[in-house]
Structures are given as structure tokens and as C-alpha cells.
Amino acid sequence: MIVEKPGKKIAYFHASKFGNGEKVAEEFQRLMADRGVEVEVRHIAHARAKDMPYADLYLFSAPGRMGKPRGKMRRFLRRANLPAGTRCAVLTTEGAPRPDPKTGKMPDPAAAEKWQRVIPVMLKILEAKGLKCVAEGKVLVTGMKGPLEEEWERKVAAYVDKLAPQV
């Protein structure tokens, strides 16, 4: 009797408000399917943090809101019922840096990190739960509601290249 080994699976939870995060999730899902990895994408509004599905890896994606992940995503992460040591990853959609209105200069990366803390906030919550984050990444959004930056698909593909061997 031959027993089939179940395929690799990622549970992808996003908190997209204007559809940018959903586009990123769909592209991620498509690229991972090409590598034989099943990705189940869910908006956190349609998921229960206390009843997480089985996966080899959990990916959390949130847009930035005032420099932090949306409050709904922070609450979802705090409530997520996952055992310590569970592997996870973070992929965010964050506002692109804009020039200073007074000087017209773009902020340097260190200054941008002070006001855009989506990934560090998410990692802090996940690490406090004992989860092991194996990858992080971000795709920039050029306006308040979008669109995504030019060639965003290449960023998602690079993230998939980095993450796929770890699934």
C-alpha cells in the first residue's frame, strides 16, 4: 500500500483594506503553486485566530496604518492559536517614502524606519508568542489607497525565491 506524503502548505493571512495586499497574496499564491506549494489565502475578517488551520508555514501580511500594522491584524496575531516554535513569515504592504514637503528631499532609510514600523511591530508580537520568523519582506504602495509600486511582482518573486526553500 502506497501512502502519499501530503504536499507542502502555507496558510496566508492578510488584512488588506484597499486590495493591494490581496493582489500581493494572489501573486504569491500563483508563484508558490508553480513550485508545488499549496497556499491557502484568507482575509483575517474571514478567519478565526483561535482555530488556525494546519500548515507547514504561516504567512502574515498587513498594510501599514500610521506606521504600524492595522489594529485588526495586531489583535489577530495576539489571538493566533499557534504553538511555540511554529514557523512563520511576514510580508507587508507599506507606504512608499515621500519627499519632505518643506525641503523636497527624500528621507534617508534610518529616518523612514522611525515612522514605518509595520514589520518590527508584527515580529515583536509573533516572537512574544514563541513563533520563529523565517522571512520578512515588504511591497510599497505609492498612494494612500494604492497603487502598488512599479514592478511589485518582481519583489514578490524575490520573496518567493527566499521563502520557498524553507517550506
Protein backbone atom coordinates (compact mmCIF):
# COMPACT_ATOMS: atom_id res chain seq x y z
CA MET A 1 0.00 0.00 0.00
CA ILE A 2 1.40 3.41 -1.00
CA VAL A 3 0.82 6.29 1.36
CA GLU A 4 1.06 9.67 -0.28
CA LYS A 5 3.01 12.25 1.64
CA PRO A 6 0.96 15.43 1.95
CA GLY A 7 2.27 18.38 -0.05
CA LYS A 8 3.76 21.50 1.40
CA LYS A 9 1.25 24.04 2.63
CA ILE A 10 1.32 27.71 3.60
CA ALA A 11 -1.54 29.44 5.41
CA TYR A 12 -1.51 33.10 4.27
CA PHE A 13 -3.47 35.60 6.37
CA HIS A 14 -3.80 39.18 5.18
CA ALA A 15 -5.59 42.33 6.34
CA SER A 16 -5.88 44.15 3.02
CA LYS A 17 -8.15 47.19 3.18
CA PHE A 18 -7.92 48.62 -0.35
CA GLY A 19 -7.00 45.44 -2.25
CA ASN A 20 -3.24 45.92 -2.51
CA GLY A 21 -2.43 43.18 -0.02
CA GLU A 22 -4.90 40.90 -1.75
CA LYS A 23 -3.09 41.40 -5.09
CA VAL A 24 0.22 40.56 -3.42
CA ALA A 25 -1.34 37.43 -1.86
CA GLU A 26 -2.71 36.26 -5.22
CA GLU A 27 0.68 36.71 -6.90
CA PHE A 28 2.41 34.90 -4.03
CA GLN A 29 -0.10 32.05 -4.28
CA ARG A 30 0.40 31.77 -8.06
CA LEU A 31 4.21 31.72 -7.80
CA MET A 32 4.21 29.16 -4.99
CA ALA A 33 1.81 26.91 -6.93
CA ASP A 34 4.41 26.86 -9.73
CA ARG A 35 6.81 25.39 -7.13
CA GLY A 36 4.33 22.78 -5.92
CA VAL A 37 3.43 24.56 -2.69
CA GLU A 38 -0.23 24.96 -1.79
CA VAL A 39 -1.11 28.39 -0.39
CA GLU A 40 -4.44 28.94 1.34
CA VAL A 41 -5.14 32.69 1.35
CA ARG A 42 -7.60 34.16 3.86
CA HIS A 43 -8.51 37.68 4.86
CA ILE A 44 -8.41 37.91 8.66
CA ALA A 45 -12.04 39.03 8.62
CA HIS A 46 -12.90 35.52 7.40
CA ALA A 47 -10.57 33.60 9.70
CA ARG A 48 -10.60 32.60 13.33
CA ALA A 49 -7.35 33.22 15.18
CA LYS A 50 -8.29 30.67 17.84
CA ASP A 51 -8.86 27.99 15.18
CA MET A 52 -5.84 28.11 12.88
CA PRO A 53 -5.64 25.52 10.07
CA TYR A 54 -2.68 23.17 9.75
CA ALA A 55 0.21 24.50 7.64
CA ASP A 56 3.95 24.00 7.32
CA LEU A 57 4.36 27.78 7.49
CA TYR A 58 2.10 30.71 8.40
CA LEU A 59 2.48 33.96 6.48
CA PHE A 60 1.01 37.18 7.85
CA SER A 61 0.52 40.27 5.72
CA ALA A 62 -0.71 43.66 6.82
CA PRO A 63 -0.82 47.17 5.43
CA GLY A 64 0.70 49.99 7.40
CA ARG A 65 -1.58 52.33 9.33
CA MET A 66 0.11 55.32 10.97
CA GLY A 67 3.42 53.43 10.79
CA LYS A 68 2.10 50.23 12.40
CA PRO A 69 0.12 47.22 11.19
CA ARG A 70 -3.64 47.68 11.20
CA GLY A 71 -5.12 47.18 14.65
CA LYS A 72 -7.19 44.23 13.45
CA MET A 73 -4.03 42.43 12.38
CA ARG A 74 -2.28 43.15 15.68
CA ARG A 75 -5.26 41.67 17.56
CA PHE A 76 -5.38 38.68 15.18
CA LEU A 77 -1.69 37.96 15.79
CA ARG A 78 -2.07 38.21 19.57
CA ARG A 79 -5.01 35.78 19.50
CA ALA A 80 -3.49 33.33 16.99
CA ASN A 81 -3.55 29.86 18.49
CA LEU A 82 -0.19 28.51 17.33
CA PRO A 83 2.31 26.55 19.42
CA ALA A 84 5.71 27.98 20.29
CA GLY A 85 8.30 27.11 17.65
CA THR A 86 5.82 27.36 14.77
CA ARG A 87 7.45 28.79 11.66
CA CYS A 88 6.05 31.96 10.20
CA ALA A 89 6.88 34.78 7.80
CA VAL A 90 5.81 38.41 7.30
CA LEU A 91 5.11 40.21 4.02
CA THR A 92 3.69 43.73 4.31
CA THR A 93 2.34 46.49 2.09
CA GLU A 94 3.71 49.79 3.32
CA GLY A 95 3.53 53.37 2.18
CA ALA A 96 6.41 54.43 -0.04
CA PRO A 97 8.61 57.16 1.41
CA ARG A 98 7.63 60.63 0.25
CA PRO A 99 9.74 63.76 -0.06
CA ASP A 100 9.70 66.26 2.80
CA PRO A 101 7.15 68.95 1.80
CA LYS A 102 9.44 71.74 3.03
CA THR A 103 12.77 70.60 1.59
CA GLY A 104 11.71 68.26 -1.21
CA LYS A 105 14.32 65.72 -0.03
CA MET A 106 13.58 62.05 0.35
CA PRO A 107 14.06 60.68 3.90
CA ASP A 108 17.11 58.53 4.44
CA PRO A 109 16.44 54.87 5.32
CA ALA A 110 17.12 55.43 9.04
CA ALA A 111 14.52 58.22 9.19
CA ALA A 112 12.00 56.12 7.28
CA GLU A 113 12.44 53.26 9.78
CA LYS A 114 11.40 55.57 12.62
CA TRP A 115 7.94 56.19 11.17
CA GLN A 116 7.36 52.93 9.29
CA ARG A 117 7.46 50.11 11.87
CA VAL A 118 4.98 47.60 10.44
CA ILE A 119 7.41 44.66 10.28
CA PRO A 120 9.08 45.28 13.68
CA VAL A 121 5.69 45.51 15.43
CA MET A 122 4.46 42.28 13.81
CA LEU A 123 7.71 40.47 14.62
CA LYS A 124 7.55 41.59 18.25
CA ILE A 125 4.05 40.11 18.63
CA LEU A 126 4.98 36.86 16.88
CA GLU A 127 8.24 36.41 18.78
CA ALA A 128 6.48 37.07 22.10
CA LYS A 129 4.28 34.06 21.27
CA GLY A 130 7.40 31.95 20.65
CA LEU A 131 6.94 31.75 16.88
CA LYS A 132 10.02 31.51 14.66
CA CYS A 133 10.01 34.07 11.82
CA VAL A 134 11.98 32.73 8.84
CA ALA A 135 11.48 35.61 6.36
CA GLU A 136 10.26 39.16 6.12
CA GLY A 137 9.57 41.43 3.20
CA LYS A 138 7.56 44.40 2.02
CA VAL A 139 5.96 45.79 -1.09
CA LEU A 140 5.49 49.54 -1.28
CA VAL A 141 2.23 51.33 -2.01
CA THR A 142 2.61 54.66 -3.80
CA GLY A 143 -0.57 56.34 -2.55
CA MET A 144 -2.94 56.08 0.40
CA LYS A 145 -5.13 53.52 -1.41
CA GLY A 146 -2.60 52.36 -3.98
CA PRO A 147 -1.44 51.50 -6.50
CA LEU A 148 1.41 49.17 -5.72
CA GLU A 149 4.91 50.30 -6.71
CA GLU A 150 6.16 49.61 -10.23
CA GLU A 151 7.47 46.09 -10.72
CA TRP A 152 5.98 44.92 -7.41
CA GLU A 153 5.64 41.48 -8.94
CA ARG A 154 9.46 41.21 -9.02
CA LYS A 155 9.59 41.91 -5.27
CA VAL A 156 7.04 39.17 -4.62
CA ALA A 157 9.01 36.78 -6.86
CA ALA A 158 12.22 37.56 -4.95
CA TYR A 159 10.40 36.92 -1.67
CA VAL A 160 9.12 33.59 -3.01
CA ASP A 161 12.68 32.67 -4.02
CA LYS A 162 13.85 33.41 -0.48
CA LEU A 163 10.98 31.63 1.26
CA ALA A 164 10.33 28.57 -0.93
CA PRO A 165 13.37 26.54 0.20
CA GLN A 166 12.23 26.95 3.82
CA VAL A 167 8.76 25.46 3.34
